[in-house]
């Protein structure tokens, strides 16, 4: 189910959004939706990475595996 959201943005930002949406063959709404999804996924990934970096003093050899597993969990949450 979709909900409507009204926001105010600068004219220049709107022009850029319209330009990129057209370039990608998307409506402005779909472009904004997909951009927000990407941003939220990236944010979750960064947060997962930051949580792992908190353990820098006690990082195991499997730290990269742990980071990738956390990223996969974050991706699943947004799928």
PDB file of N, CA and C in Angstrom:
ATOM      1  N   UNK A   1       0.838  -1.175   0.000  1.00  0.00           N
ATOM      2  CA  UNK A   1       0.000   0.000   0.000  1.00  0.00           C
ATOM      3  C   UNK A   1       0.885   1.240   0.000  1.00  0.00           C
ATOM      4  N   UNK A   2       0.566   2.175  -0.835  1.00  0.00           N
ATOM      5  CA  UNK A   2       1.340   3.411  -0.916  1.00  0.00           C
ATOM      6  C   UNK A   2       0.684   4.501  -0.090  1.00  0.00           C
ATOM      7  N   UNK A   3       1.512   5.341   0.469  1.00  0.00           N
ATOM      8  CA  UNK A   3       1.042   6.509   1.203  1.00  0.00           C
ATOM      9  C   UNK A   3       1.604   7.742   0.513  1.00  0.00           C
ATOM     10  N   UNK A   4       0.913   8.827   0.635  1.00  0.00           N
ATOM     11  CA  UNK A   4       1.350  10.067   0.011  1.00  0.00           C
ATOM     12  C   UNK A   4       2.173  10.864   1.015  1.00  0.00           C
ATOM     13  N   UNK A   5       3.250  11.463   0.536  1.00  0.00           N
ATOM     14  CA  UNK A   5       4.129  12.279   1.364  1.00  0.00           C
ATOM     15  C   UNK A   5       4.363  13.595   0.638  1.00  0.00           C
ATOM     16  N   UNK A   6       4.173  14.684   1.328  1.00  0.00           N
ATOM     17  CA  UNK A   6       4.416  15.996   0.746  1.00  0.00           C
ATOM     18  C   UNK A   6       5.633  16.597   1.426  1.00  0.00           C
ATOM     19  N   UNK A   7       6.605  17.020   0.612  1.00  0.00           N
ATOM     20  CA  UNK A   7       7.811  17.639   1.156  1.00  0.00           C
ATOM     21  C   UNK A   7       8.108  18.918   0.390  1.00  0.00           C
ATOM     22  N   UNK A   8       8.916  19.762   0.981  1.00  0.00           N
ATOM     23  CA  UNK A   8       9.391  20.977   0.315  1.00  0.00           C
ATOM     24  C   UNK A   8      10.879  20.817   0.058  1.00  0.00           C
ATOM     25  N   UNK A   9      11.287  21.086  -1.185  1.00  0.00           N
ATOM     26  CA  UNK A   9      12.708  21.016  -1.529  1.00  0.00           C
ATOM     27  C   UNK A   9      13.065  22.212  -2.394  1.00  0.00           C
ATOM     28  N   UNK A  10      14.347  22.493  -2.467  1.00  0.00           N
ATOM     29  CA  UNK A  10      14.820  23.606  -3.275  1.00  0.00           C
ATOM     30  C   UNK A  10      14.577  23.320  -4.761  1.00  0.00           C
ATOM     31  N   UNK A  11      14.360  24.386  -5.519  1.00  0.00           N
ATOM     32  CA  UNK A  11      14.113  24.261  -6.963  1.00  0.00           C
ATOM     33  C   UNK A  11      15.249  23.524  -7.674  1.00  0.00           C
ATOM     34  N   UNK A  12      16.483  23.856  -7.314  1.00  0.00           N
ATOM     35  CA  UNK A  12      17.630  23.215  -7.969  1.00  0.00           C
ATOM     36  C   UNK A  12      17.650  21.711  -7.719  1.00  0.00           C
ATOM     37  N   UNK A  13      17.303  21.305  -6.501  1.00  0.00           N
ATOM     38  CA  UNK A  13      17.256  19.878  -6.190  1.00  0.00           C
ATOM     39  C   UNK A  13      16.153  19.197  -6.999  1.00  0.00           C
ATOM     40  N   UNK A  14      15.005  19.829  -7.107  1.00  0.00           N
ATOM     41  CA  UNK A  14      13.907  19.270  -7.900  1.00  0.00           C
ATOM     42  C   UNK A  14      14.310  19.130  -9.368  1.00  0.00           C
ATOM     43  N   UNK A  15      14.994  20.133  -9.898  1.00  0.00           N
ATOM     44  CA  UNK A  15      15.459  20.061 -11.289  1.00  0.00           C
ATOM     45  C   UNK A  15      16.391  18.867 -11.485  1.00  0.00           C
ATOM     46  N   UNK A  16      17.303  18.679 -10.529  1.00  0.00           N
ATOM     47  CA  UNK A  16      18.244  17.557 -10.614  1.00  0.00           C
ATOM     48  C   UNK A  16      17.513  16.222 -10.536  1.00  0.00           C
ATOM     49  N   UNK A  17      16.533  16.127  -9.647  1.00  0.00           N
ATOM     50  CA  UNK A  17      15.741  14.900  -9.508  1.00  0.00           C
ATOM     51  C   UNK A  17      15.001  14.600 -10.803  1.00  0.00           C
ATOM     52  N   UNK A  18      14.358  15.606 -11.374  1.00  0.00           N
ATOM     53  CA  UNK A  18      13.620  15.412 -12.630  1.00  0.00           C
ATOM     54  C   UNK A  18      14.556  14.980 -13.754  1.00  0.00           C
ATOM     55  N   UNK A  19      15.725  15.599 -13.803  1.00  0.00           N
ATOM     56  CA  UNK A  19      16.712  15.266 -14.837  1.00  0.00           C
ATOM     57  C   UNK A  19      17.164  13.809 -14.706  1.00  0.00           C
ATOM     58  N   UNK A  20      17.497  13.400 -13.487  1.00  0.00           N
ATOM     59  CA  UNK A  20      17.955  12.025 -13.270  1.00  0.00           C
ATOM     60  C   UNK A  20      16.834  11.010 -13.482  1.00  0.00           C
ATOM     61  N   UNK A  21      15.620  11.353 -13.055  1.00  0.00           N
ATOM     62  CA  UNK A  21      14.480  10.452 -13.252  1.00  0.00           C
ATOM     63  C   UNK A  21      14.253  10.218 -14.744  1.00  0.00           C
ATOM     64  N   UNK A  22      14.299  11.291 -15.514  1.00  0.00           N
ATOM     65  CA  UNK A  22      14.110  11.173 -16.962  1.00  0.00           C
ATOM     66  C   UNK A  22      15.217  10.319 -17.579  1.00  0.00           C
ATOM     67  N   UNK A  23      16.445  10.556 -17.147  1.00  0.00           N
ATOM     68  CA  UNK A  23      17.588   9.803 -17.663  1.00  0.00           C
ATOM     69  C   UNK A  23      17.434   8.309 -17.386  1.00  0.00           C
ATOM     70  N   UNK A  24      16.861   7.961 -16.225  1.00  0.00           N
ATOM     71  CA  UNK A  24      16.670   6.559 -15.851  1.00  0.00           C
ATOM     72  C   UNK A  24      15.333   5.999 -16.323  1.00  0.00           C
ATOM     73  N   UNK A  25      14.529   6.813 -16.998  1.00  0.00           N
ATOM     74  CA  UNK A  25      13.243   6.343 -17.502  1.00  0.00           C
ATOM     75  C   UNK A  25      12.232   6.070 -16.405  1.00  0.00           C
ATOM     76  N   UNK A  26      12.307   6.840 -15.326  1.00  0.00           N
ATOM     77  CA  UNK A  26      11.401   6.651 -14.195  1.00  0.00           C
ATOM     78  C   UNK A  26      10.578   7.913 -13.975  1.00  0.00           C
ATOM     79  N   UNK A  27       9.441   7.725 -13.319  1.00  0.00           N
ATOM     80  CA  UNK A  27       8.693   8.896 -12.872  1.00  0.00           C
ATOM     81  C   UNK A  27       9.464   9.515 -11.708  1.00  0.00           C
ATOM     82  N   UNK A  28       9.162  10.758 -11.399  1.00  0.00           N
ATOM     83  CA  UNK A  28       9.803  11.408 -10.260  1.00  0.00           C
ATOM     84  C   UNK A  28       9.503  10.623  -8.985  1.00  0.00           C
ATOM     85  N   UNK A  29       8.263  10.181  -8.826  1.00  0.00           N
ATOM     86  CA  UNK A  29       7.892   9.419  -7.625  1.00  0.00           C
ATOM     87  C   UNK A  29       8.701   8.137  -7.504  1.00  0.00           C
ATOM     88  N   UNK A  30       8.817   7.385  -8.585  1.00  0.00           N
ATOM     89  CA  UNK A  30       9.575   6.131  -8.536  1.00  0.00           C
ATOM     90  C   UNK A  30      11.055   6.399  -8.297  1.00  0.00           C
ATOM     91  N   UNK A  31      11.575   7.441  -8.917  1.00  0.00           N
ATOM     92  CA  UNK A  31      12.978   7.789  -8.702  1.00  0.00           C
ATOM     93  C   UNK A  31      13.237   8.118  -7.232  1.00  0.00           C
ATOM     94  N   UNK A  32      12.362   8.921  -6.638  1.00  0.00           N
ATOM     95  CA  UNK A  32      12.532   9.293  -5.228  1.00  0.00           C
ATOM     96  C   UNK A  32      12.384   8.065  -4.337  1.00  0.00           C
ATOM     97  N   UNK A  33      11.389   7.205  -4.621  1.00  0.00           N
ATOM     98  CA  UNK A  33      11.212   5.979  -3.828  1.00  0.00           C
ATOM     99  C   UNK A  33      12.457   5.104  -3.878  1.00  0.00           C
ATOM    100  N   UNK A  34      12.956   4.858  -5.078  1.00  0.00           N
ATOM    101  CA  UNK A  34      14.125   3.980  -5.200  1.00  0.00           C
ATOM    102  C   UNK A  34      15.365   4.633  -4.589  1.00  0.00           C
ATOM    103  N   UNK A  35      15.492   5.934  -4.722  1.00  0.00           N
ATOM    104  CA  UNK A  35      16.630   6.635  -4.119  1.00  0.00           C
ATOM    105  C   UNK A  35      16.583   6.554  -2.601  1.00  0.00           C
ATOM    106  N   UNK A  36      15.401   6.705  -2.031  1.00  0.00           N
ATOM    107  CA  UNK A  36      15.260   6.597  -0.579  1.00  0.00           C
ATOM    108  C   UNK A  36      15.561   5.183  -0.102  1.00  0.00           C
ATOM    109  N   UNK A  37      15.087   4.177  -0.858  1.00  0.00           N
ATOM    110  CA  UNK A  37      15.398   2.789  -0.497  1.00  0.00           C
ATOM    111  C   UNK A  37      16.903   2.554  -0.493  1.00  0.00           C
ATOM    112  N   UNK A  38      17.576   3.025  -1.537  1.00  0.00           N
ATOM    113  CA  UNK A  38      19.032   2.872  -1.626  1.00  0.00           C
ATOM    114  C   UNK A  38      19.719   3.579  -0.462  1.00  0.00           C
ATOM    115  N   UNK A  39      19.285   4.796  -0.154  1.00  0.00           N
ATOM    116  CA  UNK A  39      19.892   5.563   0.929  1.00  0.00           C
ATOM    117  C   UNK A  39      19.710   4.851   2.264  1.00  0.00           C
ATOM    118  N   UNK A  40      18.502   4.336   2.509  1.00  0.00           N
ATOM    119  CA  UNK A  40      18.242   3.639   3.767  1.00  0.00           C
ATOM    120  C   UNK A  40      19.067   2.360   3.885  1.00  0.00           C
ATOM    121  N   UNK A  41      19.198   1.628   2.779  1.00  0.00           N
ATOM    122  CA  UNK A  41      20.017   0.413   2.781  1.00  0.00           C
ATOM    123  C   UNK A  41      21.474   0.762   3.057  1.00  0.00           C
ATOM    124  N   UNK A  42      21.980   1.787   2.372  1.00  0.00           N
ATOM    125  CA  UNK A  42      23.361   2.214   2.600  1.00  0.00           C
ATOM    126  C   UNK A  42      23.561   2.669   4.044  1.00  0.00           C
ATOM    127  N   UNK A  43      22.589   3.361   4.588  1.00  0.00           N
ATOM    128  CA  UNK A  43      22.677   3.840   5.972  1.00  0.00           C
ATOM    129  C   UNK A  43      22.762   2.662   6.941  1.00  0.00           C
ATOM    130  N   UNK A  44      21.914   1.656   6.707  1.00  0.00           N
ATOM    131  CA  UNK A  44      21.955   0.470   7.568  1.00  0.00           C
ATOM    132  C   UNK A  44      23.314  -0.222   7.462  1.00  0.00           C
ATOM    133  N   UNK A  45      23.856  -0.286   6.259  1.00  0.00           N
ATOM    134  CA  UNK A  45      25.172  -0.910   6.072  1.00  0.00           C
ATOM    135  C   UNK A  45      26.250  -0.131   6.817  1.00  0.00           C
ATOM    136  N   UNK A  46      26.206   1.196   6.719  1.00  0.00           N
ATOM    137  CA  UNK A  46      27.193   2.013   7.427  1.00  0.00           C
ATOM    138  C   UNK A  46      27.073   1.819   8.932  1.00  0.00           C
ATOM    139  N   UNK A  47      25.839   1.771   9.424  1.00  0.00           N
ATOM    140  CA  UNK A  47      25.627   1.569  10.859  1.00  0.00           C
ATOM    141  C   UNK A  47      26.153   0.204  11.297  1.00  0.00           C
ATOM    142  N   UNK A  48      25.940  -0.807  10.472  1.00  0.00           N
ATOM    143  CA  UNK A  48      26.457  -2.141  10.792  1.00  0.00           C
ATOM    144  C   UNK A  48      27.979  -2.101  10.847  1.00  0.00           C
ATOM    145  N   UNK A  49      28.587  -1.411   9.908  1.00  0.00           N
ATOM    146  CA  UNK A  49      30.039  -1.273   9.896  1.00  0.00           C
ATOM    147  C   UNK A  49      30.546  -0.529  11.122  1.00  0.00           C
ATOM    148  N   UNK A  50      29.831   0.518  11.518  1.00  0.00           N
ATOM    149  CA  UNK A  50      30.229   1.285  12.701  1.00  0.00           C
ATOM    150  C   UNK A  50      30.140   0.429  13.960  1.00  0.00           C
ATOM    151  N   UNK A  51      29.104  -0.405  14.046  1.00  0.00           N
ATOM    152  CA  UNK A  51      28.989  -1.293  15.212  1.00  0.00           C
ATOM    153  C   UNK A  51      30.186  -2.232  15.284  1.00  0.00           C
ATOM    154  N   UNK A  52      30.606  -2.715  14.132  1.00  0.00           N
ATOM    155  CA  UNK A  52      31.774  -3.602  14.122  1.00  0.00           C
ATOM    156  C   UNK A  52      33.055  -2.849  14.466  1.00  0.00           C
ATOM    157  N   UNK A  53      33.148  -1.601  14.003  1.00  0.00           N
ATOM    158  CA  UNK A  53      34.346  -0.822  14.303  1.00  0.00           C
ATOM    159  C   UNK A  53      34.470  -0.496  15.788  1.00  0.00           C
ATOM    160  N   UNK A  54      33.361  -0.527  16.502  1.00  0.00           N
ATOM    161  CA  UNK A  54      33.415  -0.298  17.945  1.00  0.00           C
ATOM    162  C   UNK A  54      34.245  -1.381  18.636  1.00  0.00           C
ATOM    163  N   UNK A  55      34.374  -2.506  17.975  1.00  0.00           N
ATOM    164  CA  UNK A  55      35.124  -3.623  18.536  1.00  0.00           C
ATOM    165  C   UNK A  55      36.550  -3.696  17.986  1.00  0.00           C
ATOM    166  N   UNK A  56      37.043  -2.587  17.462  1.00  0.00           N
ATOM    167  CA  UNK A  56      38.358  -2.570  16.812  1.00  0.00           C
ATOM    168  C   UNK A  56      39.440  -3.192  17.693  1.00  0.00           C
ATOM    169  N   UNK A  57      39.403  -2.920  18.959  1.00  0.00           N
ATOM    170  CA  UNK A  57      40.425  -3.457  19.852  1.00  0.00           C
ATOM    171  C   UNK A  57      40.368  -4.965  19.988  1.00  0.00           C
ATOM    172  N   UNK A  58      39.239  -5.543  19.645  1.00  0.00           N
ATOM    173  CA  UNK A  58      39.101  -6.995  19.796  1.00  0.00           C
ATOM    174  C   UNK A  58      38.597  -7.648  18.516  1.00  0.00           C
ATOM    175  N   UNK A  59      39.043  -7.116  17.375  1.00  0.00           N
ATOM    176  CA  UNK A  59      38.599  -7.635  16.083  1.00  0.00           C
ATOM    177  C   UNK A  59      39.208  -9.008  15.839  1.00  0.00           C
ATOM    178  N   UNK A  60      38.350  -9.933  15.481  1.00  0.00           N
ATOM    179  CA  UNK A  60      38.818 -11.283  15.170  1.00  0.00           C
ATOM    180  C   UNK A  60      39.241 -11.359  13.708  1.00  0.00           C
ATOM    181  N   UNK A  61      39.832 -12.469  13.347  1.00  0.00           N
ATOM    182  CA  UNK A  61      40.219 -12.674  11.947  1.00  0.00           C
ATOM    183  C   UNK A  61      38.989 -12.759  11.053  1.00  0.00           C
ATOM    184  N   UNK A  62      37.847 -13.044  11.644  1.00  0.00           N
ATOM    185  CA  UNK A  62      36.615 -13.191  10.872  1.00  0.00           C
ATOM    186  C   UNK A  62      35.822 -11.889  10.783  1.00  0.00           C
ATOM    187  N   UNK A  63      36.455 -10.754  11.064  1.00  0.00           N
ATOM    188  CA  UNK A  63      35.740  -9.477  11.087  1.00  0.00           C
ATOM    189  C   UNK A  63      35.059  -9.177   9.753  1.00  0.00           C
ATOM    190  N   UNK A  64      35.741  -9.428   8.652  1.00  0.00           N
ATOM    191  CA  UNK A  64      35.137  -9.151   7.348  1.00  0.00           C
ATOM    192  C   UNK A  64      33.938 -10.053   7.099  1.00  0.00           C
ATOM    193  N   UNK A  65      34.030 -11.297   7.530  1.00  0.00           N
ATOM    194  CA  UNK A  65      32.894 -12.210   7.389  1.00  0.00           C
ATOM    195  C   UNK A  65      31.722 -11.718   8.232  1.00  0.00           C
ATOM    196  N   UNK A  66      32.013 -11.240   9.437  1.00  0.00           N
ATOM    197  CA  UNK A  66      30.964 -10.713  10.304  1.00  0.00           C
ATOM    198  C   UNK A  66      30.317  -9.479   9.682  1.00  0.00           C
ATOM    199  N   UNK A  67      31.139  -8.603   9.106  1.00  0.00           N
ATOM    200  CA  UNK A  67      30.625  -7.403   8.452  1.00  0.00           C
ATOM    201  C   UNK A  67      29.717  -7.773   7.289  1.00  0.00           C
ATOM    202  N   UNK A  68      30.149  -8.703   6.464  1.00  0.00           N
ATOM    203  CA  UNK A  68      29.336  -9.115   5.314  1.00  0.00           C
ATOM    204  C   UNK A  68      28.037  -9.766   5.764  1.00  0.00           C
ATOM    205  N   UNK A  69      28.070 -10.569   6.808  1.00  0.00           N
ATOM    206  CA  UNK A  69      26.848 -11.191   7.332  1.00  0.00           C
ATOM    207  C   UNK A  69      25.885 -10.123   7.834  1.00  0.00           C
ATOM    208  N   UNK A  70      26.411  -9.115   8.501  1.00  0.00           N
ATOM    209  CA  UNK A  70      25.570  -8.015   9.002  1.00  0.00           C
ATOM    210  C   UNK A  70      24.964  -7.246   7.835  1.00  0.00           C
ATOM    211  N   UNK A  71      25.733  -7.041   6.780  1.00  0.00           N
ATOM    212  CA  UNK A  71      25.217  -6.348   5.591  1.00  0.00           C
ATOM    213  C   UNK A  71      24.110  -7.162   4.925  1.00  0.00           C
ATOM    214  N   UNK A  72      24.294  -8.467   4.850  1.00  0.00           N
ATOM    215  CA  UNK A  72      23.254  -9.313   4.252  1.00  0.00           C
ATOM    216  C   UNK A  72      21.970  -9.241   5.071  1.00  0.00           C
ATOM    217  N   UNK A  73      22.104  -9.231   6.405  1.00  0.00           N
ATOM    218  CA  UNK A  73      20.919  -9.104   7.261  1.00  0.00           C
ATOM    219  C   UNK A  73      20.226  -7.765   7.015  1.00  0.00           C
ATOM    220  N   UNK A  74      20.997  -6.703   6.890  1.00  0.00           N
ATOM    221  CA  UNK A  74      20.425  -5.378   6.630  1.00  0.00           C
ATOM    222  C   UNK A  74      19.718  -5.366   5.280  1.00  0.00           C
ATOM    223  N   UNK A  75      20.328  -5.992   4.271  1.00  0.00           N
ATOM    224  CA  UNK A  75      19.703  -6.059   2.944  1.00  0.00           C
ATOM    225  C   UNK A  75      18.394  -6.832   2.994  1.00  0.00           C
ATOM    226  N   UNK A  76      18.381  -7.955   3.738  1.00  0.00           N
ATOM    227  CA  UNK A  76      17.162  -8.759   3.858  1.00  0.00           C
ATOM    228  C   UNK A  76      16.042  -7.957   4.502  1.00  0.00           C
ATOM    229  N   UNK A  77      16.382  -7.130   5.478  1.00  0.00           N
ATOM    230  CA  UNK A  77      15.378  -6.326   6.170  1.00  0.00           C
ATOM    231  C   UNK A  77      14.669  -5.370   5.220  1.00  0.00           C
ATOM    232  N   UNK A  78      15.355  -4.958   4.139  1.00  0.00           N
ATOM    233  CA  UNK A  78      14.772  -3.992   3.205  1.00  0.00           C
ATOM    234  C   UNK A  78      14.266  -4.632   1.922  1.00  0.00           C
ATOM    235  N   UNK A  79      14.333  -5.942   1.841  1.00  0.00           N
ATOM    236  CA  UNK A  79      13.861  -6.624   0.619  1.00  0.00           C
ATOM    237  C   UNK A  79      12.375  -6.851   0.662  1.00  0.00           C
TER     238      UNK A  79
END
